[in-house]
Amino acid sequence: MGILSIQSQVVAGHVGNSAAVFALQCLGREVWPIPTTLLSHHPGHGGSQGGPLPPALLKSLVEGLAAHGCFKRCEAVLSGYLGHADAADIIRDAVNRAKAATKNSVYLCDPVLGDDGRTYVSADIVTAVHNLAAFADILTPNAYELSLLAGYVLQNRNDALRALRAVQSLGPRIVVLSSFAGADTHTDTLDVMAVDGPAAWRLSLPLLAAKFFGAGDVFAALFLNFWLSNRDTQGALGNACSAVFGVLQQTALLGAAELALIDAQSMLSAPPRIFSSERMV
């Protein structure tokens, strides 16, 4: 069985597919990456070159996978940064092909729209991602993305839970808030929250004094990996958070400008610190 991952890719660094694919492969998953955008490196470092792949090329790659019989073995489709709004229709087509060919295939949408109070995609991509969010089985927004999808600012945990429920009502069964710091969280921690049907869970992670490009991409991939193992949302939440924290802590210790995925690859399967969530409702 395999995972089709459709998101951005960089030549140098670890974001988008350049983070998710390695992490999933380390955990024994077969991955088929399609880049929506190909850049020299993360634009946050300045001076990046490259750009979105033409929609016709993305479509032909999906059609080639179909001709090769890959969708008969496609356990999940994972999507992230789109690059252009037209990519959403191609992702939807891929998901439909996977679900038609493989029993219980799922779609996880990481709605990459912005962070830290800033939207860094165009308005048509925001609309396209909103539509994909309603189509997804699993959604993994950060706090800013959740606020965009829900339509209001998150001040505290009650706001966050209400927003998770509002976005869940759009269509996805599972919505995971990958990072949140509100008025009622400790100044040295971040909350991670999830809803699955009527259930909700929360856990807190120590706040590390660094900014990590690609952390959300790795989290989405790891949550999908652990969830696919036994379809246990609470267990996947704890396992993904433990692994991501191990990678981020190692990255911070090394003072690396990019996620230290190569150095920290053992953290993916055997993190030294295990976090578990508590039931909220």
Protein backbone atom coordinates (compact mmCIF):
# COMPACT_ATOMS: atom_id res chain seq x y z
CA MET A 1 0.00 0.00 0.00
CA GLY A 2 1.15 3.54 -0.67
CA ILE A 3 0.51 7.20 0.14
CA LEU A 4 0.17 9.80 -2.61
CA SER A 5 1.61 13.08 -1.34
CA ILE A 6 0.77 16.19 -3.36
CA GLN A 7 2.42 19.32 -2.00
CA SER A 8 5.40 21.65 -2.38
CA GLN A 9 8.97 20.44 -2.73
CA VAL A 10 12.35 22.12 -2.23
CA VAL A 11 15.76 21.19 -3.58
CA ALA A 12 17.53 22.14 -0.35
CA GLY A 13 15.90 21.80 3.06
CA HIS A 14 13.01 19.89 4.57
CA VAL A 15 9.55 21.32 3.94
CA GLY A 16 6.53 19.98 2.08
CA ASN A 17 7.28 16.74 0.27
CA SER A 18 10.96 17.21 1.08
CA ALA A 19 10.03 16.62 4.72
CA ALA A 20 6.96 14.38 4.56
CA VAL A 21 8.34 11.80 2.13
CA PHE A 22 11.52 11.07 4.09
CA ALA A 23 9.61 10.87 7.38
CA LEU A 24 7.06 8.46 5.96
CA GLN A 25 9.69 6.32 4.27
CA CYS A 26 11.66 6.07 7.52
CA LEU A 27 8.52 4.59 9.06
CA GLY A 28 8.17 2.02 6.30
CA ARG A 29 5.61 3.71 4.07
CA GLU A 30 5.72 3.67 0.29
CA VAL A 31 5.21 7.25 -0.89
CA TRP A 32 4.47 8.69 -4.32
CA PRO A 33 5.34 12.43 -4.25
CA ILE A 34 3.94 14.92 -6.72
CA PRO A 35 5.26 18.49 -6.29
CA THR A 36 2.72 21.28 -6.70
CA THR A 37 5.60 23.75 -6.52
CA LEU A 38 9.34 23.21 -6.92
CA LEU A 39 11.62 25.75 -5.22
CA SER A 40 15.34 25.91 -4.60
CA HIS A 41 14.69 26.35 -0.85
CA HIS A 42 12.08 27.71 1.55
CA PRO A 43 11.14 31.32 0.65
CA GLY A 44 11.44 32.28 4.32
CA HIS A 45 15.21 32.25 3.89
CA GLY A 46 15.01 34.74 1.02
CA GLY A 47 16.20 34.42 -2.56
CA SER A 48 14.37 31.21 -3.44
CA GLN A 49 13.97 30.33 -7.11
CA GLY A 50 11.43 28.15 -8.92
CA GLY A 51 7.66 28.11 -8.90
CA PRO A 52 4.44 26.15 -9.35
CA LEU A 53 4.25 23.22 -11.76
CA PRO A 54 1.76 23.70 -14.62
CA PRO A 55 -1.66 22.18 -13.88
CA ALA A 56 -1.46 20.12 -17.09
CA LEU A 57 1.71 18.47 -15.85
CA LEU A 58 0.20 17.69 -12.43
CA LYS A 59 -2.84 16.20 -14.14
CA SER A 60 -0.71 14.05 -16.42
CA LEU A 61 1.28 12.72 -13.46
CA VAL A 62 -1.95 11.65 -11.74
CA GLU A 63 -3.14 10.01 -14.95
CA GLY A 64 0.19 8.22 -15.26
CA LEU A 65 -0.15 6.84 -11.74
CA ALA A 66 -3.63 5.63 -12.62
CA ALA A 67 -2.36 3.90 -15.76
CA HIS A 68 0.35 2.25 -13.68
CA GLY A 69 -2.25 0.85 -11.25
CA CYS A 70 -1.07 2.85 -8.25
CA PHE A 71 -4.54 3.85 -7.11
CA LYS A 72 -5.36 0.18 -6.51
CA ARG A 73 -2.73 0.34 -3.76
CA CYS A 74 -3.33 3.90 -2.54
CA GLU A 75 -4.10 3.83 1.17
CA ALA A 76 -4.22 7.61 1.51
CA VAL A 77 -3.81 10.92 -0.28
CA LEU A 78 -1.98 13.71 1.55
CA SER A 79 -2.06 17.30 0.32
CA GLY A 80 -0.33 20.47 1.49
CA TYR A 81 0.74 23.71 -0.18
CA LEU A 82 -1.08 24.08 -3.51
CA GLY A 83 0.98 26.61 -5.48
CA HIS A 84 -2.08 27.49 -7.56
CA ALA A 85 -5.82 27.07 -7.12
CA ASP A 86 -6.13 24.68 -10.07
CA ALA A 87 -4.19 22.07 -8.10
CA ALA A 88 -7.26 21.59 -5.89
CA ASP A 89 -9.26 19.99 -8.73
CA ILE A 90 -6.36 17.67 -9.49
CA ILE A 91 -6.14 16.64 -5.84
CA ARG A 92 -9.87 16.03 -5.72
CA ASP A 93 -9.61 13.84 -8.83
CA ALA A 94 -6.76 11.85 -7.25
CA VAL A 95 -8.74 11.32 -4.06
CA ASN A 96 -11.77 10.15 -6.02
CA ARG A 97 -9.60 7.71 -7.98
CA ALA A 98 -8.04 6.36 -4.77
CA LYS A 99 -11.38 5.90 -3.02
CA ALA A 100 -12.90 4.22 -6.05
CA ALA A 101 -10.00 1.76 -6.32
CA THR A 102 -8.97 1.10 -2.71
CA LYS A 103 -11.33 0.24 0.12
CA ASN A 104 -11.09 2.61 3.10
CA SER A 105 -8.67 5.00 1.37
CA VAL A 106 -8.62 8.39 3.13
CA TYR A 107 -7.71 11.97 2.32
CA LEU A 108 -5.73 14.17 4.74
CA CYS A 109 -5.66 17.85 3.81
CA ASP A 110 -3.05 20.05 5.45
CA PRO A 111 -4.62 23.45 4.65
CA VAL A 112 -1.47 25.51 4.10
CA LEU A 113 -2.69 29.10 4.08
CA GLY A 114 -0.53 31.09 6.47
CA ASP A 115 0.80 31.44 10.00
CA ASP A 116 1.54 34.01 12.70
CA GLY A 117 -1.36 36.21 11.65
CA ARG A 118 -0.38 36.35 7.98
CA THR A 119 -1.98 34.76 4.92
CA TYR A 120 0.71 33.93 2.37
CA VAL A 121 -1.42 32.54 -0.46
CA SER A 122 -3.79 34.26 -2.88
CA ALA A 123 -7.52 34.65 -2.32
CA ASP A 124 -8.34 32.02 -4.95
CA ILE A 125 -6.11 29.50 -3.15
CA VAL A 126 -7.87 30.30 0.14
CA THR A 127 -11.18 29.47 -1.54
CA ALA A 128 -9.76 26.30 -3.11
CA VAL A 129 -8.37 25.10 0.23
CA HIS A 130 -11.66 25.87 1.97
CA ASN A 131 -13.39 23.60 -0.54
CA LEU A 132 -10.76 20.87 -0.09
CA ALA A 133 -11.20 21.10 3.68
CA ALA A 134 -14.88 20.26 3.29
CA PHE A 135 -13.94 17.32 1.06
CA ALA A 136 -11.27 15.90 3.41
CA ASP A 137 -11.53 13.07 5.91
CA ILE A 138 -8.77 14.54 8.09
CA LEU A 139 -7.70 18.17 8.38
CA THR A 140 -4.55 19.48 10.15
CA PRO A 141 -4.60 23.31 10.35
CA ASN A 142 -2.40 25.47 12.55
CA ALA A 143 -4.11 28.07 14.73
CA TYR A 144 -4.13 30.80 12.09
CA GLU A 145 -5.44 28.46 9.40
CA LEU A 146 -8.15 27.19 11.74
CA SER A 147 -9.22 30.76 12.45
CA LEU A 148 -9.43 31.47 8.70
CA LEU A 149 -11.53 28.38 8.06
CA ALA A 150 -13.79 28.95 11.07
CA GLY A 151 -14.13 32.68 10.50
CA TYR A 152 -13.02 34.09 13.85
CA VAL A 153 -9.93 34.70 15.98
CA LEU A 154 -9.02 32.12 18.62
CA GLN A 155 -8.44 33.64 22.03
CA ASN A 156 -8.52 30.58 24.31
CA ARG A 157 -9.06 26.84 24.37
CA ASN A 158 -12.84 27.18 24.30
CA ASP A 159 -12.55 29.26 21.13
CA ALA A 160 -10.21 26.66 19.65
CA LEU A 161 -12.57 23.79 20.43
CA ARG A 162 -15.53 25.75 19.03
CA ALA A 163 -13.55 26.43 15.85
CA LEU A 164 -12.59 22.75 15.54
CA ARG A 165 -16.27 21.85 15.76
CA ALA A 166 -17.24 24.54 13.24
CA VAL A 167 -14.70 23.29 10.71
CA GLN A 168 -15.62 19.69 11.45
CA SER A 169 -19.20 20.54 10.52
CA LEU A 170 -17.98 21.44 7.01
CA GLY A 171 -17.23 17.78 6.31
CA PRO A 172 -14.05 16.26 7.80
CA ARG A 173 -14.55 13.70 10.55
CA ILE A 174 -11.20 14.47 12.15
CA VAL A 175 -9.74 17.94 12.64
CA VAL A 176 -6.38 18.38 14.35
CA LEU A 177 -5.13 21.77 15.54
CA SER A 178 -1.36 21.32 15.17
CA SER A 179 -0.28 24.20 17.43
CA PHE A 180 -2.07 26.75 19.60
CA ALA A 181 -1.04 29.26 22.24
CA GLY A 182 -4.03 31.00 23.81
CA ALA A 183 -4.79 33.15 26.82
CA ASP A 184 -5.26 30.07 29.01
CA THR A 185 -2.16 28.10 27.90
CA HIS A 186 1.11 28.32 29.79
CA THR A 187 3.64 30.73 28.31
CA ASP A 188 6.16 27.92 27.91
CA THR A 189 3.86 25.40 26.18
CA LEU A 190 1.86 24.87 23.01
CA ASP A 191 -1.44 23.01 22.83
CA VAL A 192 -2.28 20.42 20.20
CA MET A 193 -5.97 19.53 19.96
CA ALA A 194 -8.06 17.07 17.97
CA VAL A 195 -11.71 16.21 17.41
CA ASP A 196 -12.94 12.95 15.97
CA GLY A 197 -16.70 12.68 15.80
CA PRO A 198 -18.01 13.80 19.22
CA ALA A 199 -14.72 13.13 21.04
CA ALA A 200 -12.01 15.73 21.66
CA TRP A 201 -8.48 15.54 23.08
CA ARG A 202 -5.71 17.95 24.06
CA LEU A 203 -2.05 17.69 24.93
CA SER A 204 0.63 20.28 25.70
CA LEU A 205 4.16 20.37 24.33
CA PRO A 206 7.09 22.40 25.67
CA LEU A 207 7.67 25.55 23.67
CA LEU A 208 11.08 25.61 21.99
CA ALA A 209 12.77 28.95 21.39
CA ALA A 210 13.15 28.64 17.62
CA LYS A 211 11.11 28.83 14.42
CA PHE A 212 10.96 25.62 12.42
CA PHE A 213 10.07 25.65 8.72
CA GLY A 214 8.33 22.38 7.82
CA ALA A 215 7.19 21.38 11.30
CA GLY A 216 3.53 21.36 10.22
CA ASP A 217 4.34 19.33 7.12
CA VAL A 218 6.09 16.66 9.20
CA PHE A 219 3.29 16.67 11.76
CA ALA A 220 0.60 16.07 9.11
CA ALA A 221 2.58 13.21 7.57
CA LEU A 222 3.30 11.58 10.93
CA PHE A 223 -0.27 11.91 12.15
CA LEU A 224 -1.44 10.21 8.95
CA ASN A 225 1.13 7.45 9.35
CA PHE A 226 0.20 6.63 12.93
CA TRP A 227 -3.52 6.98 12.29
CA LEU A 228 -3.38 4.56 9.36
CA SER A 229 -1.81 1.91 11.60
CA ASN A 230 -4.97 1.33 13.63
CA ARG A 231 -7.25 4.35 12.95
CA ASP A 232 -6.92 5.51 16.55
CA THR A 233 -7.00 9.31 16.64
CA GLN A 234 -5.95 9.70 20.27
CA GLY A 235 -3.02 7.33 19.83
CA ALA A 236 -1.96 8.98 16.56
CA LEU A 237 -2.04 12.39 18.23
CA GLY A 238 0.33 11.33 21.01
CA ASN A 239 2.67 9.41 18.70
CA ALA A 240 2.89 12.21 16.14
CA CYS A 241 3.50 14.88 18.78
CA SER A 242 6.18 12.77 20.47
CA ALA A 243 8.02 12.19 17.20
CA VAL A 244 7.75 15.80 16.01
CA PHE A 245 8.93 17.14 19.36
CA GLY A 246 11.95 14.84 19.22
CA VAL A 247 12.86 16.15 15.75
CA LEU A 248 12.35 19.79 16.74
CA GLN A 249 14.34 19.42 19.95
CA GLN A 250 17.24 17.84 18.06
CA THR A 251 17.04 20.61 15.46
CA ALA A 252 17.16 23.27 18.20
CA LEU A 253 20.10 21.57 19.92
CA LEU A 254 22.04 21.56 16.65
CA GLY A 255 21.09 25.16 15.89
CA ALA A 256 20.15 24.02 12.38
CA ALA A 257 18.53 26.38 9.89
CA GLU A 258 16.39 23.49 8.57
CA LEU A 259 14.69 20.55 10.26
CA ALA A 260 17.42 18.11 11.24
CA LEU A 261 15.50 15.18 9.80
CA ILE A 262 18.57 13.20 8.83
CA ASP A 263 20.27 13.57 12.21
CA ALA A 264 17.01 13.08 14.08
CA GLN A 265 15.52 10.25 12.04
CA SER A 266 15.59 7.87 15.02
CA MET A 267 13.14 10.24 16.74
CA LEU A 268 10.50 9.35 14.19
CA SER A 269 10.13 5.78 15.43
CA ALA A 270 11.66 5.96 18.91
CA PRO A 271 11.28 9.43 20.44
CA PRO A 272 12.89 9.74 23.88
CA ARG A 273 9.96 11.64 25.37
CA ILE A 274 6.41 10.35 25.05
CA PHE A 275 3.42 12.68 25.25
CA SER A 276 -0.14 11.54 25.81
CA SER A 277 -3.37 13.46 25.42
CA GLU A 278 -6.26 14.00 27.80
CA ARG A 279 -9.91 13.76 26.89
CA MET A 280 -11.67 17.12 26.69
CA VAL A 281 -15.22 15.88 26.09
